[in-house]
Amino acid sequence: MISAAKKKALMDASSAILLAKAGLSALACELYHIIMPPSVFSEITDSDKPGAAEFRLFAGQGSIEVCNQRPDDRAQQPTSDAKPSFGAGEADLLGLYRAGAGDFLILDDGAAARYCLMEEIPFINALLFPRVLEDSRFTPKETWRIQQEIIRHGRYAEDVIDFARRCSAEELIFFLP
């Protein structure tokens, strides 16, 4: 069951699939209160995508919350002049964040990540997840191995990979469970 003390992480489909491929989805559900809008949950479970059965099980056990809350139009409006262009899952995820449903996002969509940077919305990607847990769960060597696995399955630009390797522990403190 979900603990009230856990940080609330709103997760997109790409991150969920990458974490499943790296064998980290159960750990993410253990450490965070994972929330997904129905559009994201459907995307990862209505097919034979990696982790689909696992995610259905997590939702059935209450380890993942499928949030049916529909944020009002005001909550979805960006604070900048940005004209975001991303999928329905990311739009719903950001709407839930604006409505106060989560503390931060775990997302791997490039357009949504750029939007979060502009809007100062806290987020990490799947590649940063093992770095957040470095020293508490993983040694630097294990982190590197896990990141290589995520890179193998993901589509990361070199600057994103470089940041994931060089970012400081202080930059990730907010995301600690």
N, C-alpha and C. Protein backbone atom coordinates (compact mmCIF):
# COMPACT_ATOMS: atom_id res chain seq x y z
N MET A 1 0.83 -1.19 0.00
CA MET A 1 0.00 0.00 0.00
C MET A 1 0.86 1.25 0.00
N ILE A 2 0.34 2.34 -0.48
CA ILE A 2 1.06 3.59 -0.61
C ILE A 2 1.14 4.29 0.75
N SER A 3 2.34 4.72 1.10
CA SER A 3 2.55 5.43 2.36
C SER A 3 2.38 6.93 2.13
N ALA A 4 1.73 7.60 3.07
CA ALA A 4 1.51 9.04 2.95
C ALA A 4 2.82 9.81 3.02
N ALA A 5 3.87 9.23 3.59
CA ALA A 5 5.13 9.92 3.76
C ALA A 5 5.98 9.91 2.49
N LYS A 6 5.64 9.11 1.53
CA LYS A 6 6.44 9.03 0.31
C LYS A 6 6.24 10.26 -0.55
N LYS A 7 7.31 10.65 -1.26
CA LYS A 7 7.18 11.72 -2.25
C LYS A 7 6.33 11.21 -3.40
N LYS A 8 5.55 12.12 -3.97
CA LYS A 8 4.67 11.76 -5.09
C LYS A 8 5.37 12.06 -6.40
N ALA A 9 5.61 11.01 -7.18
CA ALA A 9 6.28 11.13 -8.47
C ALA A 9 5.29 10.83 -9.59
N LEU A 10 5.07 11.78 -10.45
CA LEU A 10 4.22 11.60 -11.62
C LEU A 10 5.12 11.05 -12.74
N MET A 11 4.77 9.89 -13.29
CA MET A 11 5.66 9.20 -14.23
C MET A 11 5.03 9.07 -15.61
N ASP A 12 5.84 9.31 -16.64
CA ASP A 12 5.36 9.14 -18.01
C ASP A 12 5.65 7.72 -18.50
N ALA A 13 5.10 7.39 -19.66
CA ALA A 13 5.20 6.04 -20.20
C ALA A 13 6.63 5.67 -20.56
N SER A 14 7.35 6.58 -21.19
CA SER A 14 8.72 6.28 -21.60
C SER A 14 9.59 5.92 -20.40
N SER A 15 9.49 6.69 -19.34
CA SER A 15 10.27 6.41 -18.13
C SER A 15 9.86 5.09 -17.52
N ALA A 16 8.57 4.83 -17.46
CA ALA A 16 8.09 3.57 -16.89
C ALA A 16 8.64 2.39 -17.66
N ILE A 17 8.63 2.46 -18.96
CA ILE A 17 9.12 1.37 -19.80
C ILE A 17 10.63 1.20 -19.64
N LEU A 18 11.37 2.30 -19.61
CA LEU A 18 12.82 2.22 -19.43
C LEU A 18 13.18 1.64 -18.07
N LEU A 19 12.46 2.07 -17.03
CA LEU A 19 12.74 1.52 -15.70
C LEU A 19 12.39 0.03 -15.64
N ALA A 20 11.34 -0.37 -16.33
CA ALA A 20 10.99 -1.80 -16.39
C ALA A 20 12.08 -2.60 -17.10
N LYS A 21 12.57 -2.09 -18.20
CA LYS A 21 13.63 -2.78 -18.95
C LYS A 21 14.91 -2.91 -18.12
N ALA A 22 15.16 -1.93 -17.25
CA ALA A 22 16.35 -1.97 -16.40
C ALA A 22 16.11 -2.71 -15.09
N GLY A 23 14.89 -3.21 -14.89
CA GLY A 23 14.56 -3.94 -13.67
C GLY A 23 14.40 -3.05 -12.45
N LEU A 24 14.02 -1.79 -12.66
CA LEU A 24 13.92 -0.83 -11.56
C LEU A 24 12.51 -0.36 -11.24
N SER A 25 11.51 -0.86 -11.94
CA SER A 25 10.16 -0.35 -11.71
C SER A 25 9.65 -0.69 -10.31
N ALA A 26 9.94 -1.88 -9.82
CA ALA A 26 9.49 -2.24 -8.47
C ALA A 26 10.16 -1.35 -7.42
N LEU A 27 11.43 -1.04 -7.63
CA LEU A 27 12.14 -0.17 -6.70
C LEU A 27 11.56 1.24 -6.71
N ALA A 28 11.22 1.74 -7.89
CA ALA A 28 10.59 3.07 -7.98
C ALA A 28 9.27 3.08 -7.22
N CYS A 29 8.49 2.02 -7.36
CA CYS A 29 7.20 1.93 -6.66
C CYS A 29 7.39 1.77 -5.15
N GLU A 30 8.47 1.16 -4.73
CA GLU A 30 8.76 1.00 -3.31
C GLU A 30 9.14 2.34 -2.68
N LEU A 31 9.91 3.14 -3.42
CA LEU A 31 10.47 4.37 -2.85
C LEU A 31 9.58 5.59 -3.00
N TYR A 32 8.74 5.62 -4.03
CA TYR A 32 7.90 6.77 -4.31
C TYR A 32 6.43 6.37 -4.42
N HIS A 33 5.57 7.32 -4.19
CA HIS A 33 4.15 7.17 -4.48
C HIS A 33 4.03 7.52 -5.97
N ILE A 34 3.96 6.50 -6.82
CA ILE A 34 3.93 6.69 -8.27
C ILE A 34 2.50 6.98 -8.71
N ILE A 35 2.35 8.06 -9.45
CA ILE A 35 1.04 8.47 -9.96
C ILE A 35 1.12 8.59 -11.48
N MET A 36 0.11 8.05 -12.15
CA MET A 36 0.02 8.15 -13.61
C MET A 36 -1.40 8.55 -13.98
N PRO A 37 -1.54 9.42 -14.98
CA PRO A 37 -2.88 9.65 -15.50
C PRO A 37 -3.32 8.43 -16.31
N PRO A 38 -4.62 8.25 -16.50
CA PRO A 38 -5.10 7.09 -17.27
C PRO A 38 -4.47 6.97 -18.65
N SER A 39 -4.18 8.08 -19.31
CA SER A 39 -3.58 8.03 -20.64
C SER A 39 -2.21 7.35 -20.61
N VAL A 40 -1.42 7.62 -19.58
CA VAL A 40 -0.10 7.00 -19.45
C VAL A 40 -0.25 5.53 -19.06
N PHE A 41 -1.10 5.26 -18.08
CA PHE A 41 -1.28 3.88 -17.64
C PHE A 41 -1.77 3.00 -18.79
N SER A 42 -2.69 3.51 -19.58
CA SER A 42 -3.19 2.75 -20.74
C SER A 42 -2.07 2.50 -21.74
N GLU A 43 -1.24 3.50 -21.97
CA GLU A 43 -0.15 3.36 -22.93
C GLU A 43 0.82 2.24 -22.53
N ILE A 44 1.06 2.08 -21.25
CA ILE A 44 2.03 1.06 -20.83
C ILE A 44 1.40 -0.29 -20.52
N THR A 45 0.09 -0.36 -20.41
CA THR A 45 -0.54 -1.65 -20.04
C THR A 45 -1.49 -2.20 -21.10
N ASP A 46 -1.91 -1.42 -22.05
CA ASP A 46 -2.85 -1.90 -23.06
C ASP A 46 -2.14 -2.56 -24.24
N SER A 47 -0.94 -3.02 -24.01
CA SER A 47 -0.17 -3.66 -25.07
C SER A 47 0.81 -4.64 -24.45
N ASP A 48 1.69 -5.13 -25.27
CA ASP A 48 2.72 -6.04 -24.78
C ASP A 48 4.03 -5.31 -24.51
N LYS A 49 3.94 -4.06 -24.09
CA LYS A 49 5.15 -3.29 -23.80
C LYS A 49 5.85 -3.88 -22.58
N PRO A 50 7.17 -3.72 -22.52
CA PRO A 50 7.91 -4.23 -21.36
C PRO A 50 7.33 -3.71 -20.05
N GLY A 51 7.08 -4.61 -19.13
CA GLY A 51 6.56 -4.23 -17.82
C GLY A 51 5.06 -4.11 -17.73
N ALA A 52 4.32 -4.35 -18.82
CA ALA A 52 2.87 -4.15 -18.82
C ALA A 52 2.19 -4.96 -17.72
N ALA A 53 2.50 -6.25 -17.63
CA ALA A 53 1.87 -7.09 -16.60
C ALA A 53 2.28 -6.63 -15.21
N GLU A 54 3.54 -6.28 -15.08
CA GLU A 54 4.05 -5.79 -13.79
C GLU A 54 3.33 -4.51 -13.36
N PHE A 55 3.13 -3.59 -14.28
CA PHE A 55 2.45 -2.33 -13.96
C PHE A 55 0.98 -2.56 -13.60
N ARG A 56 0.32 -3.50 -14.29
CA ARG A 56 -1.06 -3.83 -13.93
C ARG A 56 -1.11 -4.39 -12.51
N LEU A 57 -0.15 -5.24 -12.18
CA LEU A 57 -0.06 -5.81 -10.83
C LEU A 57 0.19 -4.71 -9.80
N PHE A 58 1.13 -3.82 -10.07
CA PHE A 58 1.43 -2.72 -9.14
C PHE A 58 0.19 -1.87 -8.89
N ALA A 59 -0.56 -1.59 -9.94
CA ALA A 59 -1.78 -0.78 -9.77
C ALA A 59 -2.80 -1.54 -8.94
N GLY A 60 -2.93 -2.84 -9.19
CA GLY A 60 -3.87 -3.66 -8.41
C GLY A 60 -3.50 -3.73 -6.94
N GLN A 61 -2.21 -3.67 -6.65
CA GLN A 61 -1.73 -3.70 -5.27
C GLN A 61 -1.71 -2.33 -4.61
N GLY A 62 -1.96 -1.29 -5.40
CA GLY A 62 -1.93 0.07 -4.86
C GLY A 62 -0.55 0.70 -4.87
N SER A 63 0.42 0.06 -5.52
CA SER A 63 1.77 0.63 -5.62
C SER A 63 1.86 1.73 -6.67
N ILE A 64 0.94 1.71 -7.60
CA ILE A 64 0.81 2.78 -8.60
C ILE A 64 -0.62 3.30 -8.49
N GLU A 65 -0.75 4.60 -8.44
CA GLU A 65 -2.07 5.23 -8.42
C GLU A 65 -2.38 5.76 -9.81
N VAL A 66 -3.48 5.29 -10.37
CA VAL A 66 -3.95 5.84 -11.64
C VAL A 66 -4.90 6.95 -11.25
N CYS A 67 -4.47 8.17 -11.49
CA CYS A 67 -5.20 9.35 -11.02
C CYS A 67 -6.21 9.79 -12.08
N ASN A 68 -7.48 9.63 -11.77
CA ASN A 68 -8.55 10.01 -12.68
C ASN A 68 -8.90 11.48 -12.58
N GLN A 69 -8.23 12.18 -11.70
CA GLN A 69 -8.48 13.62 -11.55
C GLN A 69 -8.25 14.32 -12.87
N ARG A 70 -9.19 15.08 -13.29
CA ARG A 70 -9.04 15.87 -14.51
C ARG A 70 -8.79 17.31 -14.10
N PRO A 71 -7.57 17.79 -14.23
CA PRO A 71 -7.29 19.15 -13.83
C PRO A 71 -8.12 20.14 -14.64
N ASP A 72 -8.52 21.24 -13.99
CA ASP A 72 -9.28 22.26 -14.72
C ASP A 72 -8.36 22.98 -15.70
N ASP A 73 -8.94 23.69 -16.64
CA ASP A 73 -8.17 24.37 -17.68
C ASP A 73 -7.13 25.32 -17.11
N ARG A 74 -7.45 25.97 -16.03
CA ARG A 74 -6.53 26.92 -15.41
C ARG A 74 -5.25 26.21 -14.97
N ALA A 75 -5.39 25.04 -14.42
CA ALA A 75 -4.23 24.29 -13.92
C ALA A 75 -3.31 23.85 -15.05
N GLN A 76 -3.83 23.72 -16.27
CA GLN A 76 -3.03 23.24 -17.38
C GLN A 76 -2.28 24.35 -18.10
N GLN A 77 -2.59 25.60 -17.82
CA GLN A 77 -1.98 26.70 -18.53
C GLN A 77 -0.53 26.92 -18.12
N PRO A 78 0.37 27.06 -19.09
CA PRO A 78 1.76 27.34 -18.75
C PRO A 78 1.90 28.75 -18.20
N THR A 79 2.92 28.95 -17.38
CA THR A 79 3.15 30.28 -16.84
C THR A 79 4.01 31.11 -17.79
N SER A 80 4.69 30.47 -18.74
CA SER A 80 5.49 31.21 -19.71
C SER A 80 4.70 31.31 -21.02
N ASP A 81 5.32 31.90 -22.01
CA ASP A 81 4.69 32.01 -23.33
C ASP A 81 4.92 30.76 -24.17
N ALA A 82 5.41 29.70 -23.54
CA ALA A 82 5.73 28.47 -24.26
C ALA A 82 4.50 27.86 -24.90
N LYS A 83 4.69 27.33 -26.07
CA LYS A 83 3.64 26.60 -26.78
C LYS A 83 4.08 25.14 -26.85
N PRO A 84 3.81 24.38 -25.79
CA PRO A 84 4.31 23.00 -25.76
C PRO A 84 3.67 22.13 -26.83
N SER A 85 4.47 21.19 -27.33
CA SER A 85 3.94 20.23 -28.31
C SER A 85 4.43 18.84 -27.91
N PHE A 86 3.65 18.20 -27.07
CA PHE A 86 3.96 16.85 -26.67
C PHE A 86 2.68 16.05 -26.62
N GLY A 87 2.81 14.75 -26.36
CA GLY A 87 1.68 13.84 -26.42
C GLY A 87 0.67 14.02 -25.30
N ALA A 88 -0.44 13.32 -25.45
CA ALA A 88 -1.53 13.40 -24.47
C ALA A 88 -1.07 12.97 -23.08
N GLY A 89 -0.23 11.93 -23.01
CA GLY A 89 0.24 11.45 -21.71
C GLY A 89 1.02 12.52 -20.97
N GLU A 90 1.94 13.18 -21.67
CA GLU A 90 2.74 14.24 -21.05
C GLU A 90 1.87 15.44 -20.70
N ALA A 91 0.92 15.77 -21.57
CA ALA A 91 0.02 16.89 -21.27
C ALA A 91 -0.81 16.59 -20.01
N ASP A 92 -1.32 15.37 -19.91
CA ASP A 92 -2.08 14.99 -18.72
C ASP A 92 -1.21 14.98 -17.47
N LEU A 93 0.02 14.50 -17.61
CA LEU A 93 0.97 14.45 -16.50
C LEU A 93 1.26 15.87 -15.99
N LEU A 94 1.53 16.78 -16.91
CA LEU A 94 1.80 18.17 -16.52
C LEU A 94 0.57 18.84 -15.93
N GLY A 95 -0.60 18.50 -16.45
CA GLY A 95 -1.84 19.03 -15.88
C GLY A 95 -2.02 18.57 -14.44
N LEU A 96 -1.72 17.31 -14.19
CA LEU A 96 -1.81 16.79 -12.82
C LEU A 96 -0.80 17.48 -11.90
N TYR A 97 0.40 17.74 -12.42
CA TYR A 97 1.38 18.46 -11.61
C TYR A 97 0.87 19.86 -11.26
N ARG A 98 0.37 20.55 -12.26
CA ARG A 98 -0.16 21.91 -12.05
C ARG A 98 -1.33 21.91 -11.07
N ALA A 99 -2.07 20.81 -11.03
CA ALA A 99 -3.21 20.71 -10.10
C ALA A 99 -2.77 20.28 -8.70
N GLY A 100 -1.46 20.05 -8.52
CA GLY A 100 -0.94 19.71 -7.20
C GLY A 100 -0.94 18.23 -6.86
N ALA A 101 -1.03 17.36 -7.87
CA ALA A 101 -1.12 15.93 -7.61
C ALA A 101 0.23 15.28 -7.30
N GLY A 102 1.33 15.95 -7.61
CA GLY A 102 2.64 15.34 -7.39
C GLY A 102 3.70 16.34 -6.98
N ASP A 103 4.80 15.80 -6.45
CA ASP A 103 5.92 16.64 -6.03
C ASP A 103 6.89 16.91 -7.18
N PHE A 104 7.03 15.93 -8.08
CA PHE A 104 7.94 16.07 -9.20
C PHE A 104 7.55 15.07 -10.27
N LEU A 105 8.21 15.16 -11.42
CA LEU A 105 7.93 14.27 -12.54
C LEU A 105 9.13 13.39 -12.83
N ILE A 106 8.84 12.19 -13.30
CA ILE A 106 9.86 11.32 -13.89
C ILE A 106 9.42 11.17 -15.33
N LEU A 107 10.18 11.80 -16.25
CA LEU A 107 9.76 11.77 -17.65
C LEU A 107 10.96 11.73 -18.57
N ASP A 108 10.76 11.13 -19.72
CA ASP A 108 11.82 10.98 -20.71
C ASP A 108 11.43 11.53 -22.07
N ASP A 109 10.43 12.36 -22.12
CA ASP A 109 10.02 13.01 -23.36
C ASP A 109 10.80 14.32 -23.48
N GLY A 110 11.53 14.48 -24.58
CA GLY A 110 12.38 15.66 -24.76
C GLY A 110 11.61 16.98 -24.72
N ALA A 111 10.49 17.05 -25.42
CA ALA A 111 9.71 18.30 -25.45
C ALA A 111 9.16 18.62 -24.06
N ALA A 112 8.69 17.61 -23.35
CA ALA A 112 8.17 17.82 -21.99
C ALA A 112 9.30 18.23 -21.05
N ALA A 113 10.48 17.65 -21.21
CA ALA A 113 11.63 18.02 -20.36
C ALA A 113 12.01 19.49 -20.60
N ARG A 114 12.06 19.90 -21.86
CA ARG A 114 12.37 21.32 -22.16
C ARG A 114 11.32 22.24 -21.55
N TYR A 115 10.07 21.84 -21.63
CA TYR A 115 8.98 22.62 -21.04
C TYR A 115 9.17 22.73 -19.52
N CYS A 116 9.50 21.61 -18.87
CA CYS A 116 9.72 21.62 -17.42
C CYS A 116 10.87 22.55 -17.05
N LEU A 117 11.92 22.55 -17.84
CA LEU A 117 13.04 23.45 -17.57
C LEU A 117 12.59 24.91 -17.67
N MET A 118 11.83 25.23 -18.71
CA MET A 118 11.32 26.61 -18.87
C MET A 118 10.40 27.01 -17.74
N GLU A 119 9.56 26.10 -17.31
CA GLU A 119 8.55 26.37 -16.29
C GLU A 119 9.05 26.12 -14.86
N GLU A 120 10.30 25.67 -14.74
CA GLU A 120 10.89 25.37 -13.44
C GLU A 120 10.10 24.31 -12.68
N ILE A 121 9.69 23.29 -13.40
CA ILE A 121 8.99 22.14 -12.82
C ILE A 121 10.04 21.08 -12.52
N PRO A 122 10.12 20.61 -11.29
CA PRO A 122 11.15 19.62 -10.95
C PRO A 122 10.89 18.27 -11.62
N PHE A 123 11.96 17.73 -12.24
CA PHE A 123 11.83 16.43 -12.90
C PHE A 123 13.20 15.76 -12.98
N ILE A 124 13.14 14.44 -13.09
CA ILE A 124 14.30 13.64 -13.45
C ILE A 124 13.86 12.72 -14.58
N ASN A 125 14.84 12.12 -15.24
CA ASN A 125 14.51 11.10 -16.23
C ASN A 125 14.93 9.74 -15.69
N ALA A 126 14.63 8.70 -16.41
CA ALA A 126 14.97 7.34 -15.96
C ALA A 126 16.48 7.19 -15.77
N LEU A 127 17.25 7.87 -16.58
CA LEU A 127 18.71 7.80 -16.50
C LEU A 127 19.24 8.37 -15.19
N LEU A 128 18.54 9.34 -14.62
CA LEU A 128 18.96 9.93 -13.35
C LEU A 128 18.48 9.13 -12.13
N PHE A 129 17.49 8.27 -12.30
CA PHE A 129 16.95 7.51 -11.17
C PHE A 129 18.05 6.75 -10.41
N PRO A 130 18.92 5.99 -11.08
CA PRO A 130 19.97 5.32 -10.31
C PRO A 130 20.95 6.29 -9.65
N ARG A 131 21.18 7.45 -10.27
CA ARG A 131 22.07 8.45 -9.65
C ARG A 131 21.47 8.99 -8.36
N VAL A 132 20.15 9.17 -8.33
CA VAL A 132 19.48 9.64 -7.11
C VAL A 132 19.75 8.66 -5.97
N LEU A 133 19.83 7.39 -6.30
CA LEU A 133 19.99 6.35 -5.29
C LEU A 133 21.44 5.95 -5.05
N GLU A 134 22.36 6.62 -5.74
CA GLU A 134 23.77 6.30 -5.56
C GLU A 134 24.17 6.52 -4.11
N ASP A 135 24.91 5.60 -3.59
CA ASP A 135 25.39 5.56 -2.21
C ASP A 135 24.36 5.01 -1.24
N SER A 136 23.07 5.29 -1.44
CA SER A 136 22.08 4.72 -0.53
C SER A 136 21.64 3.32 -0.98
N ARG A 137 21.60 3.07 -2.28
CA ARG A 137 21.19 1.77 -2.81
C ARG A 137 22.21 1.17 -3.77
N PHE A 138 22.90 2.04 -4.50
CA PHE A 138 23.84 1.57 -5.51
C PHE A 138 25.22 2.17 -5.30
N THR A 139 26.23 1.38 -5.60
CA THR A 139 27.59 1.91 -5.63
C THR A 139 27.75 2.67 -6.94
N PRO A 140 28.74 3.54 -7.06
CA PRO A 140 28.97 4.21 -8.34
C PRO A 140 29.14 3.22 -9.51
N LYS A 141 29.79 2.09 -9.25
CA LYS A 141 29.97 1.08 -10.31
C LYS A 141 28.63 0.49 -10.74
N GLU A 142 27.75 0.19 -9.78
CA GLU A 142 26.41 -0.32 -10.10
C GLU A 142 25.60 0.73 -10.84
N THR A 143 25.70 1.98 -10.39
CA THR A 143 24.98 3.07 -11.06
C THR A 143 25.39 3.14 -12.53
N TRP A 144 26.68 3.09 -12.78
CA TRP A 144 27.19 3.15 -14.15
C TRP A 144 26.64 2.01 -14.99
N ARG A 145 26.64 0.78 -14.43
CA ARG A 145 26.12 -0.38 -15.16
C ARG A 145 24.64 -0.20 -15.48
N ILE A 146 23.86 0.26 -14.50
CA ILE A 146 22.42 0.47 -14.71
C ILE A 146 22.17 1.57 -15.73
N GLN A 147 22.95 2.64 -15.63
CA GLN A 147 22.79 3.73 -16.61
C GLN A 147 23.10 3.24 -18.02
N GLN A 148 24.10 2.40 -18.17
CA GLN A 148 24.42 1.85 -19.49
C GLN A 148 23.26 1.04 -20.04
N GLU A 149 22.58 0.29 -19.18
CA GLU A 149 21.41 -0.49 -19.59
C GLU A 149 20.28 0.44 -20.03
N ILE A 150 20.05 1.50 -19.29
CA ILE A 150 18.99 2.45 -19.65
C ILE A 150 19.34 3.16 -20.96
N ILE A 151 20.59 3.54 -21.13
CA ILE A 151 21.03 4.19 -22.37
C ILE A 151 20.83 3.26 -23.55
N ARG A 152 21.12 1.98 -23.36
CA ARG A 152 20.96 0.99 -24.43
C ARG A 152 19.52 0.92 -24.93
N HIS A 153 18.57 1.09 -24.01
CA HIS A 153 17.15 0.99 -24.38
C HIS A 153 16.53 2.35 -24.73
N GLY A 154 17.12 3.42 -24.28
CA GLY A 154 16.54 4.74 -24.47
C GLY A 154 17.10 5.45 -25.69
N ARG A 155 16.61 6.66 -25.87
CA ARG A 155 17.09 7.52 -26.96
C ARG A 155 17.51 8.85 -26.34
N TYR A 156 18.71 8.87 -25.80
CA TYR A 156 19.20 10.05 -25.09
C TYR A 156 20.21 10.81 -25.94
N ALA A 157 20.08 12.12 -25.94
CA ALA A 157 21.08 12.98 -26.58
C ALA A 157 22.34 12.95 -25.72
N GLU A 158 23.48 13.20 -26.35
CA GLU A 158 24.76 13.17 -25.63
C GLU A 158 24.78 14.15 -24.46
N ASP A 159 24.16 15.32 -24.61
CA ASP A 159 24.18 16.28 -23.50
C ASP A 159 23.38 15.77 -22.30
N VAL A 160 22.34 15.01 -22.54
CA VAL A 160 21.55 14.42 -21.45
C VAL A 160 22.38 13.34 -20.75
N ILE A 161 23.06 12.52 -21.52
CA ILE A 161 23.92 11.48 -20.95
C ILE A 161 25.05 12.13 -20.15
N ASP A 162 25.67 13.16 -20.71
CA ASP A 162 26.75 13.86 -20.01
C ASP A 162 26.26 14.44 -18.69
N PHE A 163 25.08 15.06 -18.70
CA PHE A 163 24.55 15.63 -17.47
C PHE A 163 24.30 14.54 -16.42
N ALA A 164 23.75 13.42 -16.85
CA ALA A 164 23.46 12.32 -15.92
C ALA A 164 24.74 11.78 -15.29
N ARG A 165 25.83 11.85 -16.01
CA ARG A 165 27.11 11.36 -15.48
C ARG A 165 27.79 12.37 -14.57
N ARG A 166 27.62 13.65 -14.85
CA ARG A 166 28.39 14.66 -14.11
C ARG A 166 27.59 15.45 -13.08
N CYS A 167 26.28 15.33 -13.05
CA CYS A 167 25.51 16.13 -12.09
C CYS A 167 25.91 15.77 -10.67
N SER A 168 25.84 16.76 -9.82
CA SER A 168 26.27 16.54 -8.43
C SER A 168 25.15 15.95 -7.60
N ALA A 169 25.55 15.37 -6.49
CA ALA A 169 24.57 14.83 -5.54
C ALA A 169 23.65 15.94 -5.05
N GLU A 170 24.19 17.14 -4.89
CA GLU A 170 23.38 18.28 -4.42
C GLU A 170 22.25 18.62 -5.40
N GLU A 171 22.50 18.43 -6.69
CA GLU A 171 21.47 18.71 -7.69
C GLU A 171 20.32 17.70 -7.63
N LEU A 172 20.57 16.58 -6.99
CA LEU A 172 19.56 15.51 -6.93
C LEU A 172 18.90 15.35 -5.56
N ILE A 173 19.31 16.15 -4.60
CA ILE A 173 18.79 16.02 -3.22
C ILE A 173 17.27 16.06 -3.19
N PHE A 174 16.67 16.96 -3.92
CA PHE A 174 15.21 17.11 -3.90
C PHE A 174 14.50 15.80 -4.24
N PHE A 175 15.11 14.97 -5.06
CA PHE A 175 14.48 13.75 -5.56
C PHE A 175 14.74 12.52 -4.67
N LEU A 176 15.51 12.70 -3.61
CA LEU A 176 15.74 11.57 -2.70
C LEU A 176 14.42 11.12 -2.10
N PRO A 177 14.25 9.79 -1.99
CA PRO A 177 13.00 9.29 -1.40
C PRO A 177 12.92 9.61 0.09
